[in-house]
Amino acid sequence: VLPAMRDVKSGLIINVASQLGRVIAP
């Protein structure tokens, strides 16, 4: 998606991570 977004200098990318992407449980 990025080449077309950059061409128009507009866009949003939302990545769904997790609180477990910042803290760790065994």
PDB file of all heavy atoms in Angstrom:
ATOM      1  N   VAL A   1       0.809  -1.233   0.000  1.00  0.00           N
ATOM      2  CA  VAL A   1       0.000   0.000   0.000  1.00  0.00           C
ATOM      3  C   VAL A   1       0.835   1.273   0.000  1.00  0.00           C
ATOM      4  O   VAL A   1       0.352   2.329  -0.432  1.00  0.00           O
ATOM      5  CB  VAL A   1      -0.967   0.051   1.210  1.00  0.00           C
ATOM      6  CG1 VAL A   1      -1.880  -1.162   1.238  1.00  0.00           C
ATOM      7  CG2 VAL A   1      -0.223   0.199   2.540  1.00  0.00           C
ATOM      8  N   LEU A   2       2.061   1.207   0.476  1.00  0.00           N
ATOM      9  CA  LEU A   2       2.806   2.446   0.729  1.00  0.00           C
ATOM     10  C   LEU A   2       3.166   3.268  -0.505  1.00  0.00           C
ATOM     11  O   LEU A   2       3.078   4.509  -0.453  1.00  0.00           O
ATOM     12  CB  LEU A   2       4.074   2.156   1.532  1.00  0.00           C
ATOM     13  CG  LEU A   2       3.961   2.438   3.030  1.00  0.00           C
ATOM     14  CD1 LEU A   2       5.282   2.169   3.734  1.00  0.00           C
ATOM     15  CD2 LEU A   2       3.502   3.864   3.298  1.00  0.00           C
ATOM     16  N   PRO A   3       3.590   2.673  -1.614  1.00  0.00           N
ATOM     17  CA  PRO A   3       3.946   3.539  -2.744  1.00  0.00           C
ATOM     18  C   PRO A   3       2.822   4.492  -3.142  1.00  0.00           C
ATOM     19  O   PRO A   3       3.063   5.681  -3.392  1.00  0.00           O
ATOM     20  CB  PRO A   3       4.273   2.540  -3.856  1.00  0.00           C
ATOM     21  CG  PRO A   3       4.775   1.330  -3.123  1.00  0.00           C
ATOM     22  CD  PRO A   3       3.915   1.254  -1.895  1.00  0.00           C
ATOM     23  N   ALA A   4       1.587   3.997  -3.173  1.00  0.00           N
ATOM     24  CA  ALA A   4       0.460   4.860  -3.554  1.00  0.00           C
ATOM     25  C   ALA A   4       0.168   5.884  -2.468  1.00  0.00           C
ATOM     26  O   ALA A   4      -0.179   7.038  -2.768  1.00  0.00           O
ATOM     27  CB  ALA A   4      -0.780   4.010  -3.833  1.00  0.00           C
ATOM     28  N   MET A   5       0.292   5.499  -1.205  1.00  0.00           N
ATOM     29  CA  MET A   5       0.086   6.462  -0.111  1.00  0.00           C
ATOM     30  C   MET A   5       1.128   7.575  -0.183  1.00  0.00           C
ATOM     31  O   MET A   5       0.809   8.759  -0.037  1.00  0.00           O
ATOM     32  CB  MET A   5       0.167   5.754   1.244  1.00  0.00           C
ATOM     33  CG  MET A   5      -1.031   4.904   1.619  1.00  0.00           C
ATOM     34  SD  MET A   5      -0.844   4.216   3.298  1.00  0.00           S
ATOM     35  CE  MET A   5      -2.455   3.451   3.544  1.00  0.00           C
ATOM     36  N   ARG A   6       2.371   7.206  -0.419  1.00  0.00           N
ATOM     37  CA  ARG A   6       3.430   8.215  -0.479  1.00  0.00           C
ATOM     38  C   ARG A   6       3.234   9.164  -1.663  1.00  0.00           C
ATOM     39  O   ARG A   6       3.529  10.351  -1.570  1.00  0.00           O
ATOM     40  CB  ARG A   6       4.800   7.546  -0.556  1.00  0.00           C
ATOM     41  CG  ARG A   6       5.269   6.962   0.764  1.00  0.00           C
ATOM     42  CD  ARG A   6       6.720   6.529   0.718  1.00  0.00           C
ATOM     43  NE  ARG A   6       6.963   5.418  -0.193  1.00  0.00           N
ATOM     44  CZ  ARG A   6       7.429   5.518  -1.430  1.00  0.00           C
ATOM     45  NH1 ARG A   6       7.709   6.710  -1.948  1.00  0.00           N
ATOM     46  NH2 ARG A   6       7.629   4.430  -2.166  1.00  0.00           N
ATOM     47  N   ASP A   7       2.710   8.621  -2.752  1.00  0.00           N
ATOM     48  CA  ASP A   7       2.481   9.462  -3.929  1.00  0.00           C
ATOM     49  C   ASP A   7       1.532  10.615  -3.630  1.00  0.00           C
ATOM     50  O   ASP A   7       1.683  11.711  -4.179  1.00  0.00           O
ATOM     51  CB  ASP A   7       1.920   8.623  -5.085  1.00  0.00           C
ATOM     52  CG  ASP A   7       2.989   7.811  -5.795  1.00  0.00           C
ATOM     53  OD1 ASP A   7       4.194   8.071  -5.570  1.00  0.00           O
ATOM     54  OD2 ASP A   7       2.625   6.902  -6.570  1.00  0.00           O
ATOM     55  N   VAL A   8       0.545  10.350  -2.773  1.00  0.00           N
ATOM     56  CA  VAL A   8      -0.438  11.399  -2.458  1.00  0.00           C
ATOM     57  C   VAL A   8      -0.155  12.056  -1.103  1.00  0.00           C
ATOM     58  O   VAL A   8      -0.915  12.911  -0.654  1.00  0.00           O
ATOM     59  CB  VAL A   8      -1.873  10.832  -2.485  1.00  0.00           C
ATOM     60  CG1 VAL A   8      -2.239  10.378  -3.884  1.00  0.00           C
ATOM     61  CG2 VAL A   8      -2.051   9.701  -1.477  1.00  0.00           C
ATOM     62  N   LYS A   9       0.946  11.629  -0.459  1.00  0.00           N
ATOM     63  CA  LYS A   9       1.355  12.175   0.844  1.00  0.00           C
ATOM     64  C   LYS A   9       0.207  12.150   1.859  1.00  0.00           C
ATOM     65  O   LYS A   9      -0.085  13.127   2.567  1.00  0.00           O
ATOM     66  CB  LYS A   9       1.904  13.603   0.697  1.00  0.00           C
ATOM     67  CG  LYS A   9       3.263  13.641   0.020  1.00  0.00           C
ATOM     68  CD  LYS A   9       3.929  14.990   0.166  1.00  0.00           C
ATOM     69  CE  LYS A   9       5.371  14.947  -0.343  1.00  0.00           C
ATOM     70  NZ  LYS A   9       6.234  14.035   0.417  1.00  0.00           N
ATOM     71  N   SER A  10      -0.426  11.001   1.937  1.00  0.00           N
ATOM     72  CA  SER A  10      -1.551  10.841   2.855  1.00  0.00           C
ATOM     73  C   SER A  10      -1.763   9.365   3.116  1.00  0.00           C
ATOM     74  O   SER A  10      -1.535   8.527   2.243  1.00  0.00           O
ATOM     75  CB  SER A  10      -2.820  11.455   2.255  1.00  0.00           C
ATOM     76  OG  SER A  10      -3.934  11.246   3.092  1.00  0.00           O
ATOM     77  N   GLY A  11      -2.217   9.049   4.320  1.00  0.00           N
ATOM     78  CA  GLY A  11      -2.539   7.668   4.632  1.00  0.00           C
ATOM     79  C   GLY A  11      -2.306   7.360   6.094  1.00  0.00           C
ATOM     80  O   GLY A  11      -1.690   8.142   6.835  1.00  0.00           O
ATOM     81  N   LEU A  12      -2.831   6.219   6.513  1.00  0.00           N
ATOM     82  CA  LEU A  12      -2.687   5.764   7.894  1.00  0.00           C
ATOM     83  C   LEU A  12      -2.518   4.255   7.881  1.00  0.00           C
ATOM     84  O   LEU A  12      -3.278   3.542   7.211  1.00  0.00           O
ATOM     85  CB  LEU A  12      -3.926   6.144   8.707  1.00  0.00           C
ATOM     86  CG  LEU A  12      -4.072   5.506  10.102  1.00  0.00           C
ATOM     87  CD1 LEU A  12      -2.942   5.937  11.028  1.00  0.00           C
ATOM     88  CD2 LEU A  12      -5.436   5.849  10.699  1.00  0.00           C
ATOM     89  N   ILE A  13      -1.519   3.780   8.617  1.00  0.00           N
ATOM     90  CA  ILE A  13      -1.317   2.343   8.814  1.00  0.00           C
ATOM     91  C   ILE A  13      -1.527   2.046  10.294  1.00  0.00           C
ATOM     92  O   ILE A  13      -0.861   2.640  11.152  1.00  0.00           O
ATOM     93  CB  ILE A  13       0.086   1.904   8.371  1.00  0.00           C
ATOM     94  CG1 ILE A  13       0.240   2.095   6.857  1.00  0.00           C
ATOM     95  CG2 ILE A  13       0.350   0.443   8.750  1.00  0.00           C
ATOM     96  CD1 ILE A  13       1.648   1.898   6.349  1.00  0.00           C
ATOM     97  N   ILE A  14      -2.474   1.166  10.588  1.00  0.00           N
ATOM     98  CA  ILE A  14      -2.732   0.728  11.960  1.00  0.00           C
ATOM     99  C   ILE A  14      -2.299  -0.720  12.075  1.00  0.00           C
ATOM    100  O   ILE A  14      -2.809  -1.589  11.354  1.00  0.00           O
ATOM    101  CB  ILE A  14      -4.221   0.871  12.328  1.00  0.00           C
ATOM    102  CG1 ILE A  14      -4.631   2.344  12.346  1.00  0.00           C
ATOM    103  CG2 ILE A  14      -4.506   0.216  13.672  1.00  0.00           C
ATOM    104  CD1 ILE A  14      -6.105   2.572  12.659  1.00  0.00           C
ATOM    105  N   ASN A  15      -1.370  -0.989  12.963  1.00  0.00           N
ATOM    106  CA  ASN A  15      -0.920  -2.349  13.222  1.00  0.00           C
ATOM    107  C   ASN A  15      -1.461  -2.810  14.569  1.00  0.00           C
ATOM    108  O   ASN A  15      -1.257  -2.142  15.589  1.00  0.00           O
ATOM    109  CB  ASN A  15       0.608  -2.419  13.219  1.00  0.00           C
ATOM    110  CG  ASN A  15       1.190  -2.215  11.833  1.00  0.00           C
ATOM    111  OD1 ASN A  15       0.576  -2.556  10.832  1.00  0.00           O
ATOM    112  ND2 ASN A  15       2.389  -1.653  11.761  1.00  0.00           N
ATOM    113  N   VAL A  16      -2.162  -3.930  14.561  1.00  0.00           N
ATOM    114  CA  VAL A  16      -2.742  -4.465  15.796  1.00  0.00           C
ATOM    115  C   VAL A  16      -1.702  -5.344  16.474  1.00  0.00           C
ATOM    116  O   VAL A  16      -1.401  -6.445  16.005  1.00  0.00           O
ATOM    117  CB  VAL A  16      -4.027  -5.251  15.522  1.00  0.00           C
ATOM    118  CG1 VAL A  16      -4.616  -5.783  16.834  1.00  0.00           C
ATOM    119  CG2 VAL A  16      -5.052  -4.368  14.806  1.00  0.00           C
ATOM    120  N   ALA A  17      -1.138  -4.838  17.552  1.00  0.00           N
ATOM    121  CA  ALA A  17      -0.158  -5.594  18.322  1.00  0.00           C
ATOM    122  C   ALA A  17      -0.869  -6.191  19.537  1.00  0.00           C
ATOM    123  O   ALA A  17      -1.885  -6.860  19.398  1.00  0.00           O
ATOM    124  CB  ALA A  17       1.010  -4.695  18.727  1.00  0.00           C
ATOM    125  N   SER A  18      -0.369  -5.943  20.727  1.00  0.00           N
ATOM    126  CA  SER A  18      -0.939  -6.494  21.950  1.00  0.00           C
ATOM    127  C   SER A  18      -0.201  -5.858  23.115  1.00  0.00           C
ATOM    128  O   SER A  18       0.937  -5.404  22.961  1.00  0.00           O
ATOM    129  CB  SER A  18      -0.746  -8.011  21.984  1.00  0.00           C
ATOM    130  OG  SER A  18      -1.023  -8.542  23.268  1.00  0.00           O
ATOM    131  N   GLN A  19      -0.840  -5.846  24.289  1.00  0.00           N
ATOM    132  CA  GLN A  19      -0.052  -5.418  25.442  1.00  0.00           C
ATOM    133  C   GLN A  19       1.086  -6.401  25.687  1.00  0.00           C
ATOM    134  O   GLN A  19       2.127  -6.044  26.257  1.00  0.00           O
ATOM    135  CB  GLN A  19      -0.930  -5.276  26.689  1.00  0.00           C
ATOM    136  CG  GLN A  19      -1.483  -6.542  27.270  1.00  0.00           C
ATOM    137  CD  GLN A  19      -2.329  -6.260  28.507  1.00  0.00           C
ATOM    138  OE1 GLN A  19      -2.888  -5.183  28.665  1.00  0.00           O
ATOM    139  NE2 GLN A  19      -2.428  -7.230  29.399  1.00  0.00           N
ATOM    140  N   LEU A  20       0.953  -7.636  25.173  1.00  0.00           N
ATOM    141  CA  LEU A  20       2.047  -8.603  25.274  1.00  0.00           C
ATOM    142  C   LEU A  20       3.150  -8.331  24.262  1.00  0.00           C
ATOM    143  O   LEU A  20       4.113  -9.088  24.180  1.00  0.00           O
ATOM    144  CB  LEU A  20       1.511 -10.029  25.091  1.00  0.00           C
ATOM    145  CG  LEU A  20       0.633 -10.550  26.239  1.00  0.00           C
ATOM    146  CD1 LEU A  20       0.120 -11.944  25.924  1.00  0.00           C
ATOM    147  CD2 LEU A  20       1.401 -10.556  27.555  1.00  0.00           C
ATOM    148  N   GLY A  21       3.019  -7.246  23.500  1.00  0.00           N
ATOM    149  CA  GLY A  21       4.123  -6.767  22.686  1.00  0.00           C
ATOM    150  C   GLY A  21       4.986  -5.762  23.428  1.00  0.00           C
ATOM    151  O   GLY A  21       5.965  -5.250  22.859  1.00  0.00           O
ATOM    152  N   ARG A  22       4.630  -5.484  24.686  1.00  0.00           N
ATOM    153  CA  ARG A  22       5.423  -4.547  25.505  1.00  0.00           C
ATOM    154  C   ARG A  22       5.753  -5.133  26.874  1.00  0.00           C
ATOM    155  O   ARG A  22       6.723  -4.736  27.502  1.00  0.00           O
ATOM    156  CB  ARG A  22       4.668  -3.227  25.694  1.00  0.00           C
ATOM    157  CG  ARG A  22       4.351  -2.490  24.405  1.00  0.00           C
ATOM    158  CD  ARG A  22       5.595  -2.005  23.704  1.00  0.00           C
ATOM    159  NE  ARG A  22       5.874  -0.597  24.002  1.00  0.00           N
ATOM    160  CZ  ARG A  22       6.939   0.061  23.567  1.00  0.00           C
ATOM    161  NH1 ARG A  22       7.825  -0.558  22.818  1.00  0.00           N
ATOM    162  NH2 ARG A  22       7.129   1.321  23.864  1.00  0.00           N
ATOM    163  N   VAL A  23       4.930  -6.060  27.358  1.00  0.00           N
ATOM    164  CA  VAL A  23       5.191  -6.780  28.603  1.00  0.00           C
ATOM    165  C   VAL A  23       5.123  -8.267  28.289  1.00  0.00           C
ATOM    166  O   VAL A  23       4.518  -8.671  27.299  1.00  0.00           O
ATOM    167  CB  VAL A  23       4.184  -6.408  29.711  1.00  0.00           C
ATOM    168  CG1 VAL A  23       4.335  -4.953  30.103  1.00  0.00           C
ATOM    169  CG2 VAL A  23       2.745  -6.688  29.278  1.00  0.00           C
ATOM    170  N   ILE A  24       5.734  -9.082  29.130  1.00  0.00           N
ATOM    171  CA  ILE A  24       5.897 -10.497  28.805  1.00  0.00           C
ATOM    172  C   ILE A  24       5.355 -11.371  29.925  1.00  0.00           C
ATOM    173  O   ILE A  24       5.662 -11.155  31.101  1.00  0.00           O
ATOM    174  CB  ILE A  24       7.383 -10.839  28.582  1.00  0.00           C
ATOM    175  CG1 ILE A  24       7.949  -9.967  27.452  1.00  0.00           C
ATOM    176  CG2 ILE A  24       7.561 -12.322  28.249  1.00  0.00           C
ATOM    177  CD1 ILE A  24       9.452 -10.084  27.301  1.00  0.00           C
ATOM    178  N   ALA A  25       4.547 -12.352  29.535  1.00  0.00           N
ATOM    179  CA  ALA A  25       4.092 -13.386  30.455  1.00  0.00           C
ATOM    180  C   ALA A  25       4.655 -14.724  29.988  1.00  0.00           C
ATOM    181  O   ALA A  25       4.785 -14.954  28.785  1.00  0.00           O
ATOM    182  CB  ALA A  25       2.567 -13.446  30.482  1.00  0.00           C
ATOM    183  N   PRO A  26       5.029 -15.618  30.915  1.00  0.00           N
ATOM    184  CA  PRO A  26       5.546 -16.926  30.506  1.00  0.00           C
ATOM    185  C   PRO A  26       4.500 -17.742  29.768  1.00  0.00           C
ATOM    186  O   PRO A  26       3.295 -17.573  29.947  1.00  0.00           O
ATOM    187  CB  PRO A  26       5.902 -17.600  31.842  1.00  0.00           C
ATOM    188  CG  PRO A  26       6.003 -16.488  32.831  1.00  0.00           C
ATOM    189  CD  PRO A  26       5.033 -15.445  32.377  1.00  0.00           C
TER     190      PRO A  26
END
